[in-house]
């Protein structure tokens, strides 16, 4: 049975909520060792999910793709005028 990454993340979120409740209860009962253990487990789950996203090829941790090069309207106009002049010269028609 295969699990999607979204399903794993959903389960991880549920586990983190349970662990957070456990940490809160442990603090109220002055059981700091149990509270620290629950908080450390939350950290481990976060680390696992982060690594899972990286290895699955998500965009997390990857550099942004370069923006497409766009030319300004003036640059486009000048290039078109240059091409037009070349065409007219190549066909023996000079602009007057």
C-alpha atoms as a PDB file:
ATOM      1  CA  UNK A   1       0.000   0.000   0.000  1.00  0.00           C
ATOM      2  CA  UNK A   2       1.422   3.348  -1.040  1.00  0.00           C
ATOM      3  CA  UNK A   3       0.873   6.535   0.910  1.00  0.00           C
ATOM      4  CA  UNK A   4       0.864   9.936  -0.662  1.00  0.00           C
ATOM      5  CA  UNK A   5       3.006  12.649   0.823  1.00  0.00           C
ATOM      6  CA  UNK A   6      -0.139  14.577   1.698  1.00  0.00           C
ATOM      7  CA  UNK A   7      -1.427  11.592   3.698  1.00  0.00           C
ATOM      8  CA  UNK A   8       1.861  11.299   5.589  1.00  0.00           C
ATOM      9  CA  UNK A   9       1.824  15.029   6.333  1.00  0.00           C
ATOM     10  CA  UNK A  10      -1.768  14.810   7.591  1.00  0.00           C
ATOM     11  CA  UNK A  11      -0.862  11.933   9.927  1.00  0.00           C
ATOM     12  CA  UNK A  12       2.204  13.835  11.115  1.00  0.00           C
ATOM     13  CA  UNK A  13       0.069  16.885  11.922  1.00  0.00           C
ATOM     14  CA  UNK A  14      -2.288  14.717  13.983  1.00  0.00           C
ATOM     15  CA  UNK A  15       0.640  13.179  15.846  1.00  0.00           C
ATOM     16  CA  UNK A  16       2.098  16.621  16.549  1.00  0.00           C
ATOM     17  CA  UNK A  17      -1.218  17.814  17.985  1.00  0.00           C
ATOM     18  CA  UNK A  18      -1.393  14.761  20.247  1.00  0.00           C
ATOM     19  CA  UNK A  19       2.186  15.301  21.399  1.00  0.00           C
ATOM     20  CA  UNK A  20       1.533  18.983  22.074  1.00  0.00           C
ATOM     21  CA  UNK A  21      -1.444  18.065  24.276  1.00  0.00           C
ATOM     22  CA  UNK A  22       0.748  15.530  26.069  1.00  0.00           C
ATOM     23  CA  UNK A  23       3.434  18.174  26.626  1.00  0.00           C
ATOM     24  CA  UNK A  24       0.845  20.613  28.004  1.00  0.00           C
ATOM     25  CA  UNK A  25      -0.573  18.002  30.409  1.00  0.00           C
ATOM     26  CA  UNK A  26       2.904  17.024  31.539  1.00  0.00           C
ATOM     27  CA  UNK A  27       3.817  20.619  32.342  1.00  0.00           C
ATOM     28  CA  UNK A  28       0.634  21.004  34.402  1.00  0.00           C
ATOM     29  CA  UNK A  29       1.544  17.829  36.313  1.00  0.00           C
ATOM     30  CA  UNK A  30       5.144  19.013  36.814  1.00  0.00           C
ATOM     31  CA  UNK A  31       6.475  16.058  34.828  1.00  0.00           C
ATOM     32  CA  UNK A  32       9.052  18.030  32.867  1.00  0.00           C
ATOM     33  CA  UNK A  33      10.896  14.965  31.544  1.00  0.00           C
ATOM     34  CA  UNK A  34       7.743  13.749  29.794  1.00  0.00           C
ATOM     35  CA  UNK A  35       7.041  17.272  28.508  1.00  0.00           C
ATOM     36  CA  UNK A  36      10.542  17.577  27.066  1.00  0.00           C
ATOM     37  CA  UNK A  37      10.211  14.156  25.468  1.00  0.00           C
ATOM     38  CA  UNK A  38       6.955  15.164  23.790  1.00  0.00           C
ATOM     39  CA  UNK A  39       8.458  18.431  22.525  1.00  0.00           C
ATOM     40  CA  UNK A  40      11.520  16.597  21.212  1.00  0.00           C
ATOM     41  CA  UNK A  41       9.188  14.207  19.388  1.00  0.00           C
ATOM     42  CA  UNK A  42       7.402  17.142  17.761  1.00  0.00           C
ATOM     43  CA  UNK A  43      10.763  18.447  16.593  1.00  0.00           C
ATOM     44  CA  UNK A  44      11.666  15.016  15.188  1.00  0.00           C
ATOM     45  CA  UNK A  45       8.362  14.840  13.274  1.00  0.00           C
ATOM     46  CA  UNK A  46       8.957  18.310  11.830  1.00  0.00           C
ATOM     47  CA  UNK A  47      12.439  17.245  10.728  1.00  0.00           C
ATOM     48  CA  UNK A  48      11.070  14.044   9.164  1.00  0.00           C
ATOM     49  CA  UNK A  49       8.375  15.914   7.208  1.00  0.00           C
ATOM     50  CA  UNK A  50      10.932  18.482   6.018  1.00  0.00           C
ATOM     51  CA  UNK A  51      13.271  15.764   4.747  1.00  0.00           C
ATOM     52  CA  UNK A  52      10.367  13.906   3.146  1.00  0.00           C
ATOM     53  CA  UNK A  53       9.360  17.000   1.205  1.00  0.00           C
ATOM     54  CA  UNK A  54      12.932  17.595   0.063  1.00  0.00           C
ATOM     55  CA  UNK A  55      13.427  14.012  -1.124  1.00  0.00           C
ATOM     56  CA  UNK A  56      10.063  13.881  -2.840  1.00  0.00           C
ATOM     57  CA  UNK A  57      11.072  16.768  -5.083  1.00  0.00           C
ATOM     58  CA  UNK A  58       8.836  19.418  -3.615  1.00  0.00           C
ATOM     59  CA  UNK A  59       9.795  23.037  -4.064  1.00  0.00           C
ATOM     60  CA  UNK A  60      10.825  23.289  -0.434  1.00  0.00           C
ATOM     61  CA  UNK A  61      14.523  23.983  -0.204  1.00  0.00           C
ATOM     62  CA  UNK A  62      15.034  24.416  -3.937  1.00  0.00           C
ATOM     63  CA  UNK A  63      16.069  27.706  -5.466  1.00  0.00           C
ATOM     64  CA  UNK A  64      13.426  29.623  -7.319  1.00  0.00           C
ATOM     65  CA  UNK A  65      13.455  29.071 -11.071  1.00  0.00           C
ATOM     66  CA  UNK A  66      14.763  32.044 -13.013  1.00  0.00           C
ATOM     67  CA  UNK A  67      12.202  34.500 -14.234  1.00  0.00           C
ATOM     68  CA  UNK A  68      11.663  34.466 -17.970  1.00  0.00           C
ATOM     69  CA  UNK A  69      13.540  37.220 -19.710  1.00  0.00           C
ATOM     70  CA  UNK A  70      11.110  39.840 -20.876  1.00  0.00           C
ATOM     71  CA  UNK A  71      12.011  42.769 -23.023  1.00  0.00           C
ATOM     72  CA  UNK A  72      10.762  46.239 -22.420  1.00  0.00           C
ATOM     73  CA  UNK A  73       8.336  47.662 -24.979  1.00  0.00           C
ATOM     74  CA  UNK A  74      11.014  50.125 -26.113  1.00  0.00           C
ATOM     75  CA  UNK A  75      13.570  47.320 -26.635  1.00  0.00           C
ATOM     76  CA  UNK A  76      11.011  45.308 -28.642  1.00  0.00           C
ATOM     77  CA  UNK A  77      10.202  48.345 -30.789  1.00  0.00           C
ATOM     78  CA  UNK A  78      13.869  49.093 -31.485  1.00  0.00           C
ATOM     79  CA  UNK A  79      14.561  45.486 -32.451  1.00  0.00           C
ATOM     80  CA  UNK A  80      11.569  45.423 -34.807  1.00  0.00           C
ATOM     81  CA  UNK A  81      12.694  48.688 -36.410  1.00  0.00           C
ATOM     82  CA  UNK A  82      16.177  47.248 -36.860  1.00  0.00           C
ATOM     83  CA  UNK A  83      14.797  44.123 -38.513  1.00  0.00           C
ATOM     84  CA  UNK A  84      12.549  46.247 -40.733  1.00  0.00           C
ATOM     85  CA  UNK A  85      15.512  48.354 -41.880  1.00  0.00           C
ATOM     86  CA  UNK A  86      17.562  45.222 -42.628  1.00  0.00           C
ATOM     87  CA  UNK A  87      14.688  43.799 -44.631  1.00  0.00           C
ATOM     88  CA  UNK A  88      14.266  47.009 -46.637  1.00  0.00           C
ATOM     89  CA  UNK A  89      18.022  47.217 -47.360  1.00  0.00           C
ATOM     90  CA  UNK A  90      18.162  43.544 -48.353  1.00  0.00           C
ATOM     91  CA  UNK A  91      15.301  44.031 -50.806  1.00  0.00           C
ATOM     92  CA  UNK A  92      16.750  47.193 -52.298  1.00  0.00           C
ATOM     93  CA  UNK A  93      14.171  49.503 -50.885  1.00  0.00           C
ATOM     94  CA  UNK A  94      15.592  52.410 -48.993  1.00  0.00           C
ATOM     95  CA  UNK A  95      13.398  54.325 -46.623  1.00  0.00           C
ATOM     96  CA  UNK A  96      12.882  57.917 -47.596  1.00  0.00           C
END
